[in-house]
Structures are given as C-alpha cells and as structure tokens.
Amino acid sequence: MSVQINPKTDFDKLFADHDSDFTKSELRIVDFIRRNMDEAPFLAAAEIAQRLDISEATMVRFARTLGFDSYPALREALQENFRSRMTHSARLRGRLNDLREAGDIFERLIASEIDYLTESLQTLDRDALNAALDLLKQHKRVFVFGLGPSISLVDMLNIRLTRVGKQVVTLDTSGQEILEPMMLMGREDLLIAIGFFHLTPTMQMVLDFANQRATPVILVTDTLGPLVGESADVVLAARRGPVSAFHSLTVPMTILNALLLALSSADQENVMAHLDQLDQMRAKLRGAS
C-alpha cells in the first residue's frame, strides 16, 4: 500500500517503523535525511546517491521500503513536510540563530557567500552554461520571468540584456496582469525563468505556455530542476545554501553575470556597436537639456 502524501507525515516515526527493514545503505540515507532535513527534500536521488557513494537504484529501493511508489513521491512528501513546518518567521529565526552561533553575523555571512561561490565553481555544469549561451545568441527577444526575491534578478537581466541589444519582456507580476505579455511568446523567442524553493502555479503556467508555444526555456534555480522535468531546455543550478529567510542571491546573480559577459564576448562587434550608439544618443540627450 502506497504512503499518502501528507504535510504532517512524521518521518521520524516512519523511519522507526521500518528500521528493521533497512539495509546498511538505506540506514545511511535515513541518517543523511535526518541531519539535512532542510536540504534533503530538494535534492534529486542522484545528488544524494553521489554524496553517500551509493547507487540511484538504492535510493529507489529506499523509497519503496517506506511505502512510496518512487523516490520523487518520497521527495514530494518531504517537501510538503518541510513547507508545513517552515514558516517565514521560522526560517528567519533559524537563519539568525545559525549566524549568531558562528560569531560575528557580518563576518559569517560573507564567509558563507564565499563558500557558496566556491562550491558553484566546482559543481557548475559548463555544458549547461554553454547551451544557455547558445540559446541567448540565437534569439533576439527574451522573456524574463521571476517573482518574489527573483524580481531583483529579473530587473538586472532587463537592464543588461537591453544594453547588449536584446529586446526584453519582463514577466514579474502574478495574477491576470502577467497574461497579456506572456501571450506574446512564440517559437522565435527565448524564456529565462528564475525560481527558487517552490514551483508556484504562476511559474508552472508560464513554463507550460512556453512549451505550448515551442519557446525554448532556460531555468535558473536552486531546487526546482528535478520538478520541472522536460519543461526547461537548460537548467542552471544555482546553489544558495540551506533554505532560509534572506536566502543568498549571490550565486544566481554571479551565474547570470557570467552568462551576460560570455554573450558580450561572443558577439562583441554587435554589442560594442549597440553600446556606442547608446552613448551617442545619451550625449545628444544631454546636449539638448
């Protein structure tokens, strides 16, 4: 009988009930999840398997031992459990406590940002970055989607993509206001979607519509890659550390900056011509004032 996904699932009890059924490798998975309850729900089976030096098949067997049909079903239950207990205030409280325990908040925060960047340098998928660059080079008009904390990254992309000669349409509102600009998307366009932690109904709608219109998609995310499946043509994984309030945006911003600089380098002649013309127009405007 399959376990029903319930936000209030008591995983400590579930693990204890199956303790005698676990293999040694599965007991290591239990230990990993217990020690990483804020991160494990958002990791793919392959990521946990790599960290524990076990096979993905072991991850699947573990999920089935617990009564789930698949590992994605177990992960979804872990995510629902996480969201039910991790309110905004609880996330901020945990973040502040972690920083205080490490001593000076400012010093620890800077050190953690450096750690995230160092990890990204080692783990970033260069093939995915090159594929994203190829898509940017091929498309003149770029739609950029992001809500909540992602809006600051949407604004940055809007300014900098425009400066290198791209036509940019921002999708940074929820509700009905997003529909009219979204419906302009077509197969000749490109969508850059930025989303973290939770796959919202609005984000799912935008991804589905892009797929319907055959618009290629670049997804920038920390945890949503495994959830969107084939909805995105390229996934740029931007690690931001444990889920918390005031979550770091340093890594996704750095990845996007790297992508923009790579685009400028690859199309330097046209980019420079566009910027020269922009400077000339600014000079004319200043002279007229």
Protein backbone atom coordinates (compact mmCIF):
# COMPACT_ATOMS: atom_id res chain seq x y z
CA MET A 1 0.00 0.00 0.00
CA SER A 2 1.42 3.38 -1.01
CA VAL A 3 2.00 6.10 1.57
CA GLN A 4 -0.25 9.10 1.06
CA ILE A 5 1.49 12.48 0.75
CA ASN A 6 0.68 14.38 3.93
CA PRO A 7 2.33 17.63 5.09
CA LYS A 8 2.17 16.33 8.66
CA THR A 9 3.87 13.00 7.95
CA ASP A 10 6.01 12.09 10.95
CA PHE A 11 9.17 10.91 9.22
CA ASP A 12 10.91 10.00 12.48
CA LYS A 13 8.07 7.57 13.18
CA LEU A 14 8.03 6.34 9.59
CA PHE A 15 11.77 5.66 9.72
CA ALA A 16 11.44 3.94 13.11
CA ASP A 17 8.60 1.72 11.89
CA HIS A 18 10.79 0.42 9.05
CA ASP A 19 14.10 0.34 10.93
CA SER A 20 14.35 -3.46 10.79
CA ASP A 21 13.63 -3.43 7.03
CA PHE A 22 16.52 -1.13 6.08
CA THR A 23 19.79 -2.31 4.58
CA LYS A 24 23.06 -0.69 5.74
CA SER A 25 22.99 1.66 2.75
CA GLU A 26 19.38 2.62 3.47
CA LEU A 27 20.26 3.38 7.10
CA ARG A 28 22.87 5.82 5.77
CA ILE A 29 20.13 7.50 3.72
CA VAL A 30 17.97 7.82 6.85
CA ASP A 31 20.88 9.38 8.72
CA PHE A 32 21.54 11.80 5.86
CA ILE A 33 17.89 12.93 5.70
CA ARG A 34 17.68 13.38 9.47
CA ARG A 35 20.84 15.51 9.51
CA ASN A 36 19.76 17.54 6.46
CA MET A 37 16.00 17.99 6.86
CA ASP A 38 16.15 21.48 5.32
CA GLU A 39 18.17 20.44 2.26
CA ALA A 40 17.39 16.77 1.56
CA PRO A 41 13.78 17.40 0.41
CA PHE A 42 15.11 19.44 -2.52
CA LEU A 43 17.88 17.11 -3.69
CA ALA A 44 17.45 14.65 -6.53
CA ALA A 45 18.09 10.98 -5.90
CA ALA A 46 21.29 11.20 -7.94
CA GLU A 47 22.65 14.02 -5.77
CA ILE A 48 22.13 12.14 -2.50
CA ALA A 49 23.47 8.94 -4.05
CA GLN A 50 26.62 10.78 -5.14
CA ARG A 51 27.18 12.25 -1.68
CA LEU A 52 26.76 8.87 0.00
CA ASP A 53 28.59 6.91 -2.71
CA ILE A 54 25.64 4.61 -3.32
CA SER A 55 23.59 3.80 -6.43
CA GLU A 56 20.42 5.58 -7.55
CA ALA A 57 18.75 2.16 -7.50
CA THR A 58 19.36 2.08 -3.74
CA MET A 59 17.53 5.41 -3.43
CA VAL A 60 14.55 3.97 -5.32
CA ARG A 61 14.51 0.82 -3.15
CA PHE A 62 14.66 3.02 -0.04
CA ALA A 63 11.57 4.96 -1.14
CA ARG A 64 9.69 1.74 -1.84
CA THR A 65 10.72 0.29 1.52
CA LEU A 66 8.96 3.28 3.11
CA GLY A 67 5.85 2.62 1.02
CA PHE A 68 6.26 5.21 -1.73
CA ASP A 69 5.86 4.37 -5.42
CA SER A 70 9.07 6.18 -6.36
CA TYR A 71 11.78 8.43 -4.98
CA PRO A 72 10.12 11.58 -6.48
CA ALA A 73 6.99 10.68 -4.47
CA LEU A 74 9.08 10.45 -1.28
CA ARG A 75 10.80 13.73 -2.10
CA GLU A 76 7.44 15.43 -2.64
CA ALA A 77 6.29 14.22 0.78
CA LEU A 78 9.50 15.52 2.37
CA GLN A 79 8.95 18.89 0.67
CA GLU A 80 5.36 19.14 1.87
CA ASN A 81 6.52 18.31 5.38
CA PHE A 82 9.23 20.96 5.17
CA ARG A 83 6.84 23.67 3.98
CA SER A 84 4.28 22.87 6.67
CA ARG A 85 6.79 23.48 9.46
CA MET A 86 9.00 26.14 7.89
CA THR A 87 7.07 29.43 8.10
CA HIS A 88 8.71 32.73 7.12
CA SER A 89 9.33 33.62 10.76
CA ALA A 90 10.78 30.18 11.49
CA ARG A 91 13.12 30.48 8.51
CA LEU A 92 14.35 33.91 9.62
CA ARG A 93 14.76 32.73 13.22
CA GLY A 94 16.81 29.74 12.09
CA ARG A 95 18.96 31.90 9.82
CA LEU A 96 19.73 34.38 12.60
CA ASN A 97 20.47 31.63 15.11
CA ASP A 98 22.91 29.97 12.72
CA LEU A 99 24.73 33.25 12.12
CA ARG A 100 24.85 34.16 15.82
CA GLU A 101 26.26 30.76 16.76
CA ALA A 102 29.10 31.33 14.30
CA GLY A 103 30.08 34.63 15.97
CA ASP A 104 30.04 37.93 14.13
CA ILE A 105 26.97 37.97 11.81
CA PHE A 106 28.59 40.11 9.12
CA GLU A 107 31.77 38.03 9.03
CA ARG A 108 29.89 34.73 8.96
CA LEU A 109 27.53 35.94 6.24
CA ILE A 110 30.40 36.98 3.97
CA ALA A 111 32.16 33.67 4.63
CA SER A 112 29.03 31.69 3.72
CA GLU A 113 28.65 33.63 0.46
CA ILE A 114 32.26 32.79 -0.43
CA ASP A 115 31.55 29.13 0.37
CA TYR A 116 28.54 29.10 -1.98
CA LEU A 117 30.57 30.66 -4.78
CA THR A 118 33.45 28.21 -4.27
CA GLU A 119 31.06 25.26 -4.38
CA SER A 120 29.46 26.61 -7.55
CA LEU A 121 32.83 26.97 -9.23
CA GLN A 122 33.42 23.26 -8.60
CA THR A 123 29.94 21.97 -9.46
CA LEU A 124 28.58 24.28 -12.17
CA ASP A 125 27.59 22.38 -15.30
CA ARG A 126 29.70 24.06 -18.00
CA ASP A 127 27.80 22.24 -20.76
CA ALA A 128 24.54 23.74 -19.45
CA LEU A 129 26.14 27.19 -19.32
CA ASN A 130 27.33 26.85 -22.93
CA ALA A 131 23.90 25.62 -24.02
CA ALA A 132 22.30 28.66 -22.35
CA LEU A 133 24.78 30.93 -24.12
CA ASP A 134 23.92 29.35 -27.49
CA LEU A 135 20.21 29.99 -26.88
CA LEU A 136 20.89 33.62 -25.96
CA LYS A 137 22.94 34.13 -29.12
CA GLN A 138 20.17 32.65 -31.29
CA HIS A 139 17.25 34.73 -30.01
CA LYS A 140 16.68 38.48 -30.31
CA ARG A 141 13.69 38.76 -27.97
CA VAL A 142 13.97 37.40 -24.43
CA PHE A 143 11.17 36.98 -21.91
CA VAL A 144 12.35 37.02 -18.29
CA PHE A 145 10.13 35.55 -15.55
CA GLY A 146 10.57 35.82 -11.81
CA LEU A 147 8.51 36.62 -8.72
CA GLY A 148 9.30 37.45 -5.10
CA PRO A 149 13.05 37.53 -4.38
CA SER A 150 13.74 36.73 -8.05
CA ILE A 151 12.41 40.13 -9.18
CA SER A 152 15.76 41.78 -8.43
CA LEU A 153 17.41 39.33 -10.85
CA VAL A 154 14.69 40.00 -13.43
CA ASP A 155 15.41 43.73 -13.17
CA MET A 156 19.14 43.14 -13.59
CA LEU A 157 18.61 40.99 -16.69
CA ASN A 158 16.20 43.52 -18.15
CA ILE A 159 18.77 46.32 -17.91
CA ARG A 160 21.82 44.34 -19.02
CA LEU A 161 20.22 42.33 -21.82
CA THR A 162 18.78 45.56 -23.23
CA ARG A 163 22.25 47.13 -23.13
CA VAL A 164 23.67 44.33 -25.27
CA GLY A 165 20.93 44.76 -27.86
CA LYS A 166 18.27 42.25 -26.81
CA GLN A 167 14.56 43.02 -26.76
CA VAL A 168 13.36 42.16 -23.25
CA VAL A 169 9.85 41.46 -21.99
CA THR A 170 9.60 41.07 -18.21
CA LEU A 171 7.08 38.73 -16.60
CA ASP A 172 7.29 39.82 -12.98
CA THR A 173 3.67 40.11 -11.89
CA SER A 174 1.22 37.48 -10.72
CA GLY A 175 -2.48 37.20 -11.47
CA GLN A 176 -4.08 38.35 -14.69
CA GLU A 177 -1.53 41.12 -15.34
CA ILE A 178 1.04 38.56 -16.48
CA LEU A 179 -1.20 37.05 -19.16
CA GLU A 180 -1.06 39.69 -21.90
CA PRO A 181 2.76 39.97 -22.13
CA MET A 182 3.10 36.20 -21.68
CA MET A 183 0.84 35.55 -24.66
CA LEU A 184 3.32 37.35 -26.94
CA MET A 185 5.77 34.44 -26.59
CA GLY A 186 6.50 32.40 -29.69
CA ARG A 187 8.97 29.91 -31.12
CA GLU A 188 11.28 32.75 -32.19
CA ASP A 189 11.65 33.95 -28.60
CA LEU A 190 13.52 32.73 -25.52
CA LEU A 191 12.27 32.46 -21.93
CA ILE A 192 14.59 32.81 -18.93
CA ALA A 193 12.67 31.65 -15.85
CA ILE A 194 14.08 32.27 -12.38
CA GLY A 195 12.56 30.42 -9.45
CA PHE A 196 13.65 29.04 -6.11
CA PHE A 197 12.38 26.67 -3.45
CA HIS A 198 8.76 26.33 -4.59
CA LEU A 199 7.18 25.69 -8.00
CA THR A 200 4.32 28.21 -7.89
CA PRO A 201 1.16 27.87 -10.00
CA THR A 202 2.17 31.04 -11.89
CA MET A 203 5.60 29.65 -12.73
CA GLN A 204 4.10 26.33 -13.83
CA MET A 205 1.64 28.21 -16.05
CA VAL A 206 4.44 30.26 -17.67
CA LEU A 207 6.55 27.14 -18.30
CA ASP A 208 3.58 25.24 -19.72
CA PHE A 209 2.67 28.14 -22.02
CA ALA A 210 6.27 28.44 -23.24
CA ASN A 211 6.27 24.71 -24.04
CA GLN A 212 2.93 25.08 -25.83
CA ARG A 213 4.36 27.90 -27.96
CA ALA A 214 7.64 25.98 -28.58
CA THR A 215 9.58 28.75 -26.82
CA PRO A 216 12.94 27.44 -25.54
CA VAL A 217 13.41 27.80 -21.77
CA ILE A 218 16.44 28.49 -19.57
CA LEU A 219 15.64 27.80 -15.91
CA VAL A 220 17.80 29.33 -13.15
CA THR A 221 17.04 27.60 -9.85
CA ASP A 222 18.41 26.01 -6.72
CA THR A 223 15.96 23.15 -6.19
CA LEU A 224 13.34 23.08 -8.94
CA GLY A 225 15.33 21.37 -11.69
CA PRO A 226 14.09 17.84 -10.94
CA LEU A 227 10.49 19.09 -10.54
CA VAL A 228 10.06 20.75 -13.94
CA GLY A 229 11.25 17.71 -15.88
CA GLU A 230 11.41 18.46 -19.56
CA SER A 231 9.74 21.87 -19.24
CA ALA A 232 13.16 23.54 -19.42
CA ASP A 233 15.68 23.11 -22.23
CA VAL A 234 18.56 24.17 -19.97
CA VAL A 235 18.77 24.18 -16.17
CA LEU A 236 21.39 26.37 -14.48
CA ALA A 237 21.73 25.12 -10.91
CA ALA A 238 22.46 27.97 -8.51
CA ARG A 239 23.18 26.66 -5.03
CA ARG A 240 22.06 29.04 -2.28
CA GLY A 241 22.76 27.02 0.87
CA PRO A 242 20.11 25.73 3.31
CA VAL A 243 16.62 27.09 2.74
CA SER A 244 16.10 30.15 4.94
CA ALA A 245 14.80 33.69 5.00
CA PHE A 246 17.05 36.24 3.27
CA HIS A 247 18.37 33.40 1.16
CA SER A 248 21.53 34.18 -0.78
CA LEU A 249 21.20 35.52 -4.32
CA THR A 250 24.96 35.78 -4.83
CA VAL A 251 25.39 32.57 -6.83
CA PRO A 252 22.43 33.02 -9.23
CA MET A 253 23.46 36.64 -9.80
CA THR A 254 27.05 35.57 -10.50
CA ILE A 255 25.92 32.87 -12.93
CA LEU A 256 23.72 35.33 -14.81
CA ASN A 257 26.55 37.89 -14.88
CA ALA A 258 28.90 35.25 -16.30
CA LEU A 259 26.32 34.40 -18.95
CA LEU A 260 25.92 38.06 -19.93
CA LEU A 261 29.68 38.61 -20.15
CA ALA A 262 30.08 35.45 -22.23
CA LEU A 263 27.34 36.72 -24.56
CA SER A 264 29.11 40.09 -24.87
CA SER A 265 32.38 38.34 -25.66
CA ALA A 266 30.83 36.01 -28.24
CA ASP A 267 29.04 38.86 -30.06
CA GLN A 268 31.50 41.62 -29.21
CA GLU A 269 31.27 43.54 -32.50
CA ASN A 270 27.48 43.92 -32.41
CA VAL A 271 27.40 44.56 -28.66
CA MET A 272 30.02 47.31 -28.93
CA ALA A 273 28.22 48.90 -31.87
CA HIS A 274 24.99 48.93 -29.87
CA LEU A 275 26.70 50.47 -26.83
CA ASP A 276 28.45 53.10 -28.98
CA GLN A 277 25.10 54.10 -30.46
CA LEU A 278 23.61 54.22 -26.97
CA ASP A 279 26.41 56.54 -25.81
CA GLN A 280 25.83 58.80 -28.82
CA MET A 281 22.12 59.03 -28.04
CA ARG A 282 22.88 59.83 -24.41
CA ALA A 283 25.28 62.59 -25.49
CA LYS A 284 22.59 64.09 -27.75
CA LEU A 285 20.10 63.97 -24.91
CA ARG A 286 22.49 65.69 -22.52
CA GLY A 287 23.22 68.37 -25.16
CA ALA A 288 19.53 69.05 -25.66
CA SER A 289 18.86 69.56 -21.95
